[in-house]
């Protein structure tokens, strides 16, 4: 029972991340019914849902995230 309360507290602290995961999972179910690379798509949608929820939780701008991902200097030592 303690683990359940701990899990629920974790969900309450980052609700948009877990809503993103749920949305990705729901999309996968619809795609699974129609049958389109379900395993690969499941992994992609869950990661994308988590990433979108994380961006929404931290209130970052999309432009900042894309600039940080595509910055050519981020790999320089």
Protein backbone atom coordinates (compact mmCIF):
# COMPACT_ATOMS: atom_id res chain seq x y z
CA UNK A 1 0.00 0.00 0.00
CA UNK A 2 2.91 2.32 0.72
CA UNK A 3 4.24 1.78 -2.81
CA UNK A 4 0.87 2.76 -4.24
CA UNK A 5 0.85 6.05 -2.32
CA UNK A 6 4.44 6.71 -3.36
CA UNK A 7 3.51 6.11 -7.00
CA UNK A 8 0.48 8.40 -6.75
CA UNK A 9 2.62 11.17 -5.20
CA UNK A 10 5.05 10.82 -8.10
CA UNK A 11 2.21 11.20 -10.60
CA UNK A 12 0.90 14.28 -8.79
CA UNK A 13 4.30 15.97 -8.96
CA UNK A 14 4.59 15.65 -12.78
CA UNK A 15 1.06 15.23 -14.14
CA UNK A 16 1.74 16.35 -17.71
CA UNK A 17 4.56 13.85 -18.19
CA UNK A 18 2.35 10.96 -17.23
CA UNK A 19 -0.54 12.30 -19.27
CA UNK A 20 1.85 12.36 -22.22
CA UNK A 21 2.79 8.74 -21.57
CA UNK A 22 -0.89 7.80 -21.39
CA UNK A 23 -1.62 9.66 -24.63
CA UNK A 24 1.24 7.90 -26.40
CA UNK A 25 0.05 4.54 -25.12
CA UNK A 26 -3.50 5.26 -26.25
CA UNK A 27 -2.25 6.20 -29.72
CA UNK A 28 -0.34 2.94 -29.85
CA UNK A 29 -3.48 0.97 -29.02
CA UNK A 30 -5.30 2.57 -31.96
CA UNK A 31 -2.39 1.88 -34.27
CA UNK A 32 -2.10 -1.68 -32.95
CA UNK A 33 -5.71 -2.30 -33.87
CA UNK A 34 -4.92 -1.22 -37.42
CA UNK A 35 -1.49 -2.89 -37.36
CA UNK A 36 1.48 -0.63 -38.23
CA UNK A 37 4.84 -1.57 -36.77
CA UNK A 38 3.37 -1.76 -33.27
CA UNK A 39 6.47 -2.47 -31.20
CA UNK A 40 8.64 0.24 -32.72
CA UNK A 41 5.81 2.71 -32.65
CA UNK A 42 5.01 1.94 -29.02
CA UNK A 43 8.55 2.81 -27.97
CA UNK A 44 8.55 6.00 -30.04
CA UNK A 45 5.17 7.22 -28.75
CA UNK A 46 6.03 6.59 -25.12
CA UNK A 47 9.33 8.45 -25.43
CA UNK A 48 7.66 11.28 -27.34
CA UNK A 49 4.87 11.52 -24.77
CA UNK A 50 7.34 11.65 -21.92
CA UNK A 51 9.42 14.30 -23.71
CA UNK A 52 6.37 16.46 -24.44
CA UNK A 53 5.21 16.18 -20.86
CA UNK A 54 8.65 17.08 -19.58
CA UNK A 55 8.80 20.17 -21.79
CA UNK A 56 5.32 21.17 -20.59
CA UNK A 57 6.28 20.64 -16.93
CA UNK A 58 9.43 22.76 -17.19
CA UNK A 59 7.62 25.35 -19.37
CA UNK A 60 10.40 25.49 -21.91
CA UNK A 61 9.81 27.01 -25.32
CA UNK A 62 9.92 24.67 -28.31
CA UNK A 63 12.45 26.87 -30.02
CA UNK A 64 14.83 26.55 -27.05
CA UNK A 65 14.53 22.77 -27.04
CA UNK A 66 15.15 22.49 -30.78
CA UNK A 67 18.10 24.89 -30.62
CA UNK A 68 19.62 22.87 -27.78
CA UNK A 69 19.16 19.58 -29.67
CA UNK A 70 20.55 20.86 -32.98
CA UNK A 71 23.37 22.99 -31.58
CA UNK A 72 26.56 21.86 -33.39
CA UNK A 73 28.78 23.07 -30.54
CA UNK A 74 27.21 20.82 -27.89
CA UNK A 75 29.54 17.92 -28.84
CA UNK A 76 32.75 19.95 -28.74
CA UNK A 77 34.93 19.21 -25.71
